[in-house]
Amino acid sequence: MAENTRNQVLELLRRGVSTVNELAAALELTDNAVRSHLAALERQGFVQQSGEVPGVRRPHATYALTSAGEALFPKAYGPVLIRLLDVLGDRLPRAKVEALLREAGRSLGGDLAKGQRRTGLRDRAEGAVQFLKDLGGLADVEERDGRVFIRGYSCPLASIVASHPEACHFAEELLSALLGEPVKEQCEKGESPRCCFEVLPPAG
């Protein structure tokens, strides 16, 4: 019952920010019951306070979905990207498609890296892993024999990689730009893709 109500809260917040009173009225619950559900969703990282609106006696806090909360809802990214890559593959040589994917990865990674404080490699790798998690993936940083790897267990591009393994080049360039270091893709491709990227030492 509680899970069903929390799903309803998430659905309402997907439409826009709301106050406790607005959610309570829509769900026909008490304010305290709604606060309890919001607190649970905040602990899970799906909801956050986003601001305040004026009230009769005092301001009321507004709530909104986090990126993790938004990621709970299915998206059509996979089919759209697969069809886009199909069309590009029909019109362009394979090498050109791969070059475009690499360019897109470098561009996105460069934008994300702008203004970031330069930290140690481990911290930068952890930041890159967090970004992969924000995209819906799951990855860890591994250090083995003095080498650093970013190893994924749930690929955010899994629905694409099976038919378009060249999509891994996008992630390779993205991570390289985020880390400021060269990265080599060593992914396991197939029905259940597993990401693996080795952070290479600088040339020379």
C-alpha atoms as a PDB file:
ATOM      1  CA  MET A   1       0.000   0.000   0.000  1.00  0.00           C
ATOM      2  CA  ALA A   2       2.767   2.433   0.961  1.00  0.00           C
ATOM      3  CA  GLU A   3       4.708   1.635  -2.205  1.00  0.00           C
ATOM      4  CA  ASN A   4       1.634   2.294  -4.356  1.00  0.00           C
ATOM      5  CA  THR A   5       1.059   5.658  -2.652  1.00  0.00           C
ATOM      6  CA  ARG A   6       4.704   6.640  -3.122  1.00  0.00           C
ATOM      7  CA  ASN A   7       4.429   5.782  -6.799  1.00  0.00           C
ATOM      8  CA  GLN A   8       1.442   8.126  -6.974  1.00  0.00           C
ATOM      9  CA  VAL A   9       3.495  10.866  -5.288  1.00  0.00           C
ATOM     10  CA  LEU A  10       6.239  10.375  -7.880  1.00  0.00           C
ATOM     11  CA  GLU A  11       3.696  10.528 -10.709  1.00  0.00           C
ATOM     12  CA  LEU A  12       2.296  13.813  -9.371  1.00  0.00           C
ATOM     13  CA  LEU A  13       5.756  15.339  -8.958  1.00  0.00           C
ATOM     14  CA  ARG A  14       6.566  14.305 -12.493  1.00  0.00           C
ATOM     15  CA  ARG A  15       3.947  16.832 -13.598  1.00  0.00           C
ATOM     16  CA  GLY A  16       5.693  19.617 -11.672  1.00  0.00           C
ATOM     17  CA  VAL A  17       6.743  20.824  -8.237  1.00  0.00           C
ATOM     18  CA  SER A  18       4.119  20.546  -5.500  1.00  0.00           C
ATOM     19  CA  THR A  19       3.641  21.382  -1.839  1.00  0.00           C
ATOM     20  CA  VAL A  20       2.589  18.939   0.856  1.00  0.00           C
ATOM     21  CA  ASN A  21      -0.894  20.477   0.866  1.00  0.00           C
ATOM     22  CA  GLU A  22      -1.272  20.065  -2.896  1.00  0.00           C
ATOM     23  CA  LEU A  23      -0.129  16.446  -2.779  1.00  0.00           C
ATOM     24  CA  ALA A  24      -2.412  15.715   0.188  1.00  0.00           C
ATOM     25  CA  ALA A  25      -5.436  17.162  -1.648  1.00  0.00           C
ATOM     26  CA  ALA A  26      -4.687  15.206  -4.826  1.00  0.00           C
ATOM     27  CA  LEU A  27      -4.181  11.927  -2.950  1.00  0.00           C
ATOM     28  CA  GLU A  28      -6.930  12.526  -0.353  1.00  0.00           C
ATOM     29  CA  LEU A  29      -4.444  11.984   2.469  1.00  0.00           C
ATOM     30  CA  THR A  30      -3.474  13.956   5.550  1.00  0.00           C
ATOM     31  CA  ASP A  31      -0.505  16.320   5.412  1.00  0.00           C
ATOM     32  CA  ASN A  32       1.367  14.138   7.910  1.00  0.00           C
ATOM     33  CA  ALA A  33       0.840  11.028   5.774  1.00  0.00           C
ATOM     34  CA  VAL A  34       2.241  12.836   2.731  1.00  0.00           C
ATOM     35  CA  ARG A  35       5.227  14.101   4.732  1.00  0.00           C
ATOM     36  CA  SER A  36       5.976  10.520   5.765  1.00  0.00           C
ATOM     37  CA  HIS A  37       5.996   9.348   2.139  1.00  0.00           C
ATOM     38  CA  LEU A  38       8.105  12.328   1.037  1.00  0.00           C
ATOM     39  CA  ALA A  39      10.632  11.641   3.797  1.00  0.00           C
ATOM     40  CA  ALA A  40      10.974   8.028   2.620  1.00  0.00           C
ATOM     41  CA  LEU A  41      11.396   9.129  -0.997  1.00  0.00           C
ATOM     42  CA  GLU A  42      13.991  11.731   0.048  1.00  0.00           C
ATOM     43  CA  ARG A  43      15.995   9.038   1.847  1.00  0.00           C
ATOM     44  CA  GLN A  44      15.945   6.990  -1.362  1.00  0.00           C
ATOM     45  CA  GLY A  45      17.201   9.988  -3.310  1.00  0.00           C
ATOM     46  CA  PHE A  46      14.100  10.231  -5.536  1.00  0.00           C
ATOM     47  CA  VAL A  47      12.656  13.500  -4.202  1.00  0.00           C
ATOM     48  CA  GLN A  48      14.115  16.758  -2.908  1.00  0.00           C
ATOM     49  CA  GLN A  49      12.915  20.113  -1.606  1.00  0.00           C
ATOM     50  CA  SER A  50      13.092  22.569  -4.466  1.00  0.00           C
ATOM     51  CA  GLY A  51      12.000  25.900  -2.960  1.00  0.00           C
ATOM     52  CA  GLU A  52       9.149  27.676  -1.192  1.00  0.00           C
ATOM     53  CA  VAL A  53       5.853  29.356  -2.053  1.00  0.00           C
ATOM     54  CA  PRO A  54       4.014  31.925   0.092  1.00  0.00           C
ATOM     55  CA  GLY A  55       1.429  30.624   2.565  1.00  0.00           C
ATOM     56  CA  VAL A  56      -1.215  32.214   4.775  1.00  0.00           C
ATOM     57  CA  ARG A  57       0.918  31.900   7.919  1.00  0.00           C
ATOM     58  CA  ARG A  58       4.298  30.828   6.607  1.00  0.00           C
ATOM     59  CA  PRO A  59       5.936  29.693   3.360  1.00  0.00           C
ATOM     60  CA  HIS A  60       5.308  26.160   2.170  1.00  0.00           C
ATOM     61  CA  ALA A  61       8.168  23.981   0.907  1.00  0.00           C
ATOM     62  CA  THR A  62       7.874  22.671  -2.628  1.00  0.00           C
ATOM     63  CA  TYR A  63       9.084  19.233  -3.696  1.00  0.00           C
ATOM     64  CA  ALA A  64      10.423  17.977  -7.005  1.00  0.00           C
ATOM     65  CA  LEU A  65      11.855  14.813  -8.526  1.00  0.00           C
ATOM     66  CA  THR A  66      15.614  14.357  -8.511  1.00  0.00           C
ATOM     67  CA  SER A  67      17.395  13.016 -11.594  1.00  0.00           C
ATOM     68  CA  ALA A  68      17.264   9.580  -9.928  1.00  0.00           C
ATOM     69  CA  GLY A  69      13.519   9.946  -9.455  1.00  0.00           C
ATOM     70  CA  GLU A  70      13.029  10.952 -13.084  1.00  0.00           C
ATOM     71  CA  ALA A  71      15.107   7.944 -14.155  1.00  0.00           C
ATOM     72  CA  LEU A  72      12.512   5.618 -12.572  1.00  0.00           C
ATOM     73  CA  PHE A  73      10.179   6.315 -15.477  1.00  0.00           C
ATOM     74  CA  PRO A  74      10.804   4.466 -18.748  1.00  0.00           C
ATOM     75  CA  LYS A  75      12.143   6.494 -21.634  1.00  0.00           C
ATOM     76  CA  ALA A  76      12.213   5.863 -25.393  1.00  0.00           C
ATOM     77  CA  TYR A  77      15.901   6.754 -25.681  1.00  0.00           C
ATOM     78  CA  GLY A  78      16.946   3.251 -26.705  1.00  0.00           C
ATOM     79  CA  PRO A  79      14.635   2.781 -29.717  1.00  0.00           C
ATOM     80  CA  VAL A  80      15.181   6.380 -30.848  1.00  0.00           C
ATOM     81  CA  LEU A  81      18.985   6.123 -30.714  1.00  0.00           C
ATOM     82  CA  ILE A  82      18.995   2.716 -32.404  1.00  0.00           C
ATOM     83  CA  ARG A  83      16.918   4.075 -35.284  1.00  0.00           C
ATOM     84  CA  LEU A  84      19.156   7.157 -35.523  1.00  0.00           C
ATOM     85  CA  LEU A  85      22.284   4.998 -35.718  1.00  0.00           C
ATOM     86  CA  ASP A  86      20.573   2.729 -38.272  1.00  0.00           C
ATOM     87  CA  VAL A  87      19.879   5.723 -40.510  1.00  0.00           C
ATOM     88  CA  LEU A  88      23.394   7.120 -40.079  1.00  0.00           C
ATOM     89  CA  GLY A  89      24.832   3.689 -40.869  1.00  0.00           C
ATOM     90  CA  ASP A  90      22.811   3.520 -44.090  1.00  0.00           C
ATOM     91  CA  ARG A  91      24.018   6.933 -45.233  1.00  0.00           C
ATOM     92  CA  LEU A  92      27.584   7.148 -43.946  1.00  0.00           C
ATOM     93  CA  PRO A  93      30.645   4.875 -43.865  1.00  0.00           C
ATOM     94  CA  ARG A  94      31.126   3.033 -40.559  1.00  0.00           C
ATOM     95  CA  ALA A  95      34.295   5.003 -39.821  1.00  0.00           C
ATOM     96  CA  LYS A  96      32.368   8.270 -40.149  1.00  0.00           C
ATOM     97  CA  VAL A  97      29.642   7.108 -37.759  1.00  0.00           C
ATOM     98  CA  GLU A  98      32.273   6.092 -35.202  1.00  0.00           C
ATOM     99  CA  ALA A  99      34.003   9.460 -35.612  1.00  0.00           C
ATOM    100  CA  LEU A 100      30.717  11.268 -34.967  1.00  0.00           C
ATOM    101  CA  LEU A 101      30.084   9.203 -31.824  1.00  0.00           C
ATOM    102  CA  ARG A 102      33.565   9.967 -30.550  1.00  0.00           C
ATOM    103  CA  GLU A 103      33.091  13.663 -31.260  1.00  0.00           C
ATOM    104  CA  ALA A 104      29.781  13.674 -29.382  1.00  0.00           C
ATOM    105  CA  GLY A 105      31.389  11.926 -26.397  1.00  0.00           C
ATOM    106  CA  ARG A 106      34.268  14.414 -26.297  1.00  0.00           C
ATOM    107  CA  SER A 107      31.865  17.339 -26.563  1.00  0.00           C
ATOM    108  CA  LEU A 108      29.602  16.189 -23.720  1.00  0.00           C
ATOM    109  CA  GLY A 109      32.531  15.201 -21.508  1.00  0.00           C
ATOM    110  CA  GLY A 110      34.249  18.531 -22.152  1.00  0.00           C
ATOM    111  CA  ASP A 111      31.117  20.465 -21.206  1.00  0.00           C
ATOM    112  CA  LEU A 112      30.719  18.470 -17.991  1.00  0.00           C
ATOM    113  CA  ALA A 113      34.381  18.927 -17.061  1.00  0.00           C
ATOM    114  CA  LYS A 114      34.312  22.723 -17.430  1.00  0.00           C
ATOM    115  CA  GLY A 115      34.800  24.504 -14.126  1.00  0.00           C
ATOM    116  CA  GLN A 116      35.545  21.306 -12.213  1.00  0.00           C
ATOM    117  CA  ARG A 117      38.298  21.534  -9.648  1.00  0.00           C
ATOM    118  CA  ARG A 118      41.334  19.490 -10.629  1.00  0.00           C
ATOM    119  CA  THR A 119      41.574  16.596  -8.174  1.00  0.00           C
ATOM    120  CA  GLY A 120      43.414  13.295  -7.969  1.00  0.00           C
ATOM    121  CA  LEU A 121      42.726  10.583 -10.520  1.00  0.00           C
ATOM    122  CA  ARG A 122      40.776   8.459  -8.054  1.00  0.00           C
ATOM    123  CA  ASP A 123      38.429  11.336  -7.202  1.00  0.00           C
ATOM    124  CA  ARG A 124      37.940  12.156 -10.875  1.00  0.00           C
ATOM    125  CA  ALA A 125      37.188   8.506 -11.616  1.00  0.00           C
ATOM    126  CA  GLU A 126      34.633   8.424  -8.789  1.00  0.00           C
ATOM    127  CA  GLY A 127      33.017  11.534 -10.269  1.00  0.00           C
ATOM    128  CA  ALA A 128      32.828   9.859 -13.681  1.00  0.00           C
ATOM    129  CA  VAL A 129      31.240   6.781 -12.093  1.00  0.00           C
ATOM    130  CA  GLN A 130      28.629   8.987 -10.431  1.00  0.00           C
ATOM    131  CA  PHE A 131      27.779  10.497 -13.806  1.00  0.00           C
ATOM    132  CA  LEU A 132      27.288   6.994 -15.260  1.00  0.00           C
ATOM    133  CA  LYS A 133      24.966   6.233 -12.344  1.00  0.00           C
ATOM    134  CA  ASP A 134      23.014   9.422 -13.063  1.00  0.00           C
ATOM    135  CA  LEU A 135      22.518   8.115 -16.606  1.00  0.00           C
ATOM    136  CA  GLY A 136      21.006   4.929 -15.194  1.00  0.00           C
ATOM    137  CA  GLY A 137      24.106   2.731 -15.139  1.00  0.00           C
ATOM    138  CA  LEU A 138      26.036   1.102 -12.324  1.00  0.00           C
ATOM    139  CA  ALA A 139      29.830   1.173 -12.183  1.00  0.00           C
ATOM    140  CA  ASP A 140      32.769   1.063  -9.772  1.00  0.00           C
ATOM    141  CA  VAL A 141      36.375   2.208  -9.806  1.00  0.00           C
ATOM    142  CA  GLU A 142      38.903  -0.643  -9.590  1.00  0.00           C
ATOM    143  CA  GLU A 143      42.643  -0.408  -8.999  1.00  0.00           C
ATOM    144  CA  ARG A 144      44.671  -3.471  -9.945  1.00  0.00           C
ATOM    145  CA  ASP A 145      48.452  -3.785 -10.263  1.00  0.00           C
ATOM    146  CA  GLY A 146      48.808  -0.018 -10.400  1.00  0.00           C
ATOM    147  CA  ARG A 147      46.191   0.278 -13.164  1.00  0.00           C
ATOM    148  CA  VAL A 148      42.836   2.062 -12.836  1.00  0.00           C
ATOM    149  CA  PHE A 149      39.640   0.691 -14.369  1.00  0.00           C
ATOM    150  CA  ILE A 150      36.041   1.862 -14.505  1.00  0.00           C
ATOM    151  CA  ARG A 151      34.003  -1.317 -14.560  1.00  0.00           C
ATOM    152  CA  GLY A 152      30.270  -1.271 -15.239  1.00  0.00           C
ATOM    153  CA  TYR A 153      27.653  -3.786 -14.114  1.00  0.00           C
ATOM    154  CA  SER A 154      24.629  -2.145 -15.737  1.00  0.00           C
ATOM    155  CA  CYS A 155      25.322  -0.316 -18.981  1.00  0.00           C
ATOM    156  CA  PRO A 156      23.247   2.859 -19.567  1.00  0.00           C
ATOM    157  CA  LEU A 157      23.583   2.162 -23.307  1.00  0.00           C
ATOM    158  CA  ALA A 158      22.775  -1.555 -23.044  1.00  0.00           C
ATOM    159  CA  SER A 159      19.742  -1.383 -25.328  1.00  0.00           C
ATOM    160  CA  ILE A 160      21.913   0.159 -28.054  1.00  0.00           C
ATOM    161  CA  VAL A 161      25.202  -1.727 -27.755  1.00  0.00           C
ATOM    162  CA  ALA A 162      23.793  -5.121 -28.784  1.00  0.00           C
ATOM    163  CA  SER A 163      23.016  -3.835 -32.294  1.00  0.00           C
ATOM    164  CA  HIS A 164      25.490  -0.931 -32.370  1.00  0.00           C
ATOM    165  CA  PRO A 165      28.663  -1.833 -30.444  1.00  0.00           C
ATOM    166  CA  GLU A 166      30.299   1.322 -31.800  1.00  0.00           C
ATOM    167  CA  ALA A 167      28.255   3.229 -29.191  1.00  0.00           C
ATOM    168  CA  CYS A 168      30.971   2.246 -26.680  1.00  0.00           C
ATOM    169  CA  HIS A 169      33.276   4.723 -28.442  1.00  0.00           C
ATOM    170  CA  PHE A 170      30.955   7.499 -27.279  1.00  0.00           C
ATOM    171  CA  ALA A 171      31.444   6.427 -23.654  1.00  0.00           C
ATOM    172  CA  GLU A 172      35.201   6.021 -24.157  1.00  0.00           C
ATOM    173  CA  GLU A 173      35.610   9.614 -25.317  1.00  0.00           C
ATOM    174  CA  LEU A 174      33.173  10.905 -22.692  1.00  0.00           C
ATOM    175  CA  LEU A 175      35.145   9.335 -19.853  1.00  0.00           C
ATOM    176  CA  SER A 176      38.454  10.473 -21.321  1.00  0.00           C
ATOM    177  CA  ALA A 177      37.215  14.081 -21.405  1.00  0.00           C
ATOM    178  CA  LEU A 178      35.808  13.834 -17.866  1.00  0.00           C
ATOM    179  CA  LEU A 179      39.031  12.367 -16.468  1.00  0.00           C
ATOM    180  CA  GLY A 180      41.446  14.443 -18.502  1.00  0.00           C
ATOM    181  CA  GLU A 181      43.327  11.223 -19.236  1.00  0.00           C
ATOM    182  CA  PRO A 182      43.301   8.762 -22.164  1.00  0.00           C
ATOM    183  CA  VAL A 183      40.850   5.890 -21.717  1.00  0.00           C
ATOM    184  CA  LYS A 184      40.723   2.533 -23.525  1.00  0.00           C
ATOM    185  CA  GLU A 185      37.412   0.743 -23.981  1.00  0.00           C
ATOM    186  CA  GLN A 186      37.439  -2.977 -23.078  1.00  0.00           C
ATOM    187  CA  CYS A 187      33.694  -3.637 -22.899  1.00  0.00           C
ATOM    188  CA  GLU A 188      32.002  -7.022 -23.096  1.00  0.00           C
ATOM    189  CA  LYS A 189      29.425  -6.661 -25.849  1.00  0.00           C
ATOM    190  CA  GLY A 190      26.453  -8.878 -26.516  1.00  0.00           C
ATOM    191  CA  GLU A 191      23.024  -9.537 -25.025  1.00  0.00           C
ATOM    192  CA  SER A 192      24.090  -8.312 -21.559  1.00  0.00           C
ATOM    193  CA  PRO A 193      26.845  -5.732 -22.119  1.00  0.00           C
ATOM    194  CA  ARG A 194      29.349  -5.075 -19.328  1.00  0.00           C
ATOM    195  CA  CYS A 195      31.352  -1.853 -19.504  1.00  0.00           C
ATOM    196  CA  CYS A 196      35.063  -1.763 -18.791  1.00  0.00           C
ATOM    197  CA  PHE A 197      37.372   1.195 -19.417  1.00  0.00           C
ATOM    198  CA  GLU A 198      41.039   1.338 -18.500  1.00  0.00           C
ATOM    199  CA  VAL A 199      42.528   4.709 -17.645  1.00  0.00           C
ATOM    200  CA  LEU A 200      45.836   4.808 -19.487  1.00  0.00           C
ATOM    201  CA  PRO A 201      48.954   6.576 -18.242  1.00  0.00           C
ATOM    202  CA  PRO A 202      49.766   9.789 -20.128  1.00  0.00           C
ATOM    203  CA  ALA A 203      51.921   9.260 -23.212  1.00  0.00           C
ATOM    204  CA  GLY A 204      55.622   9.540 -22.372  1.00  0.00           C
END
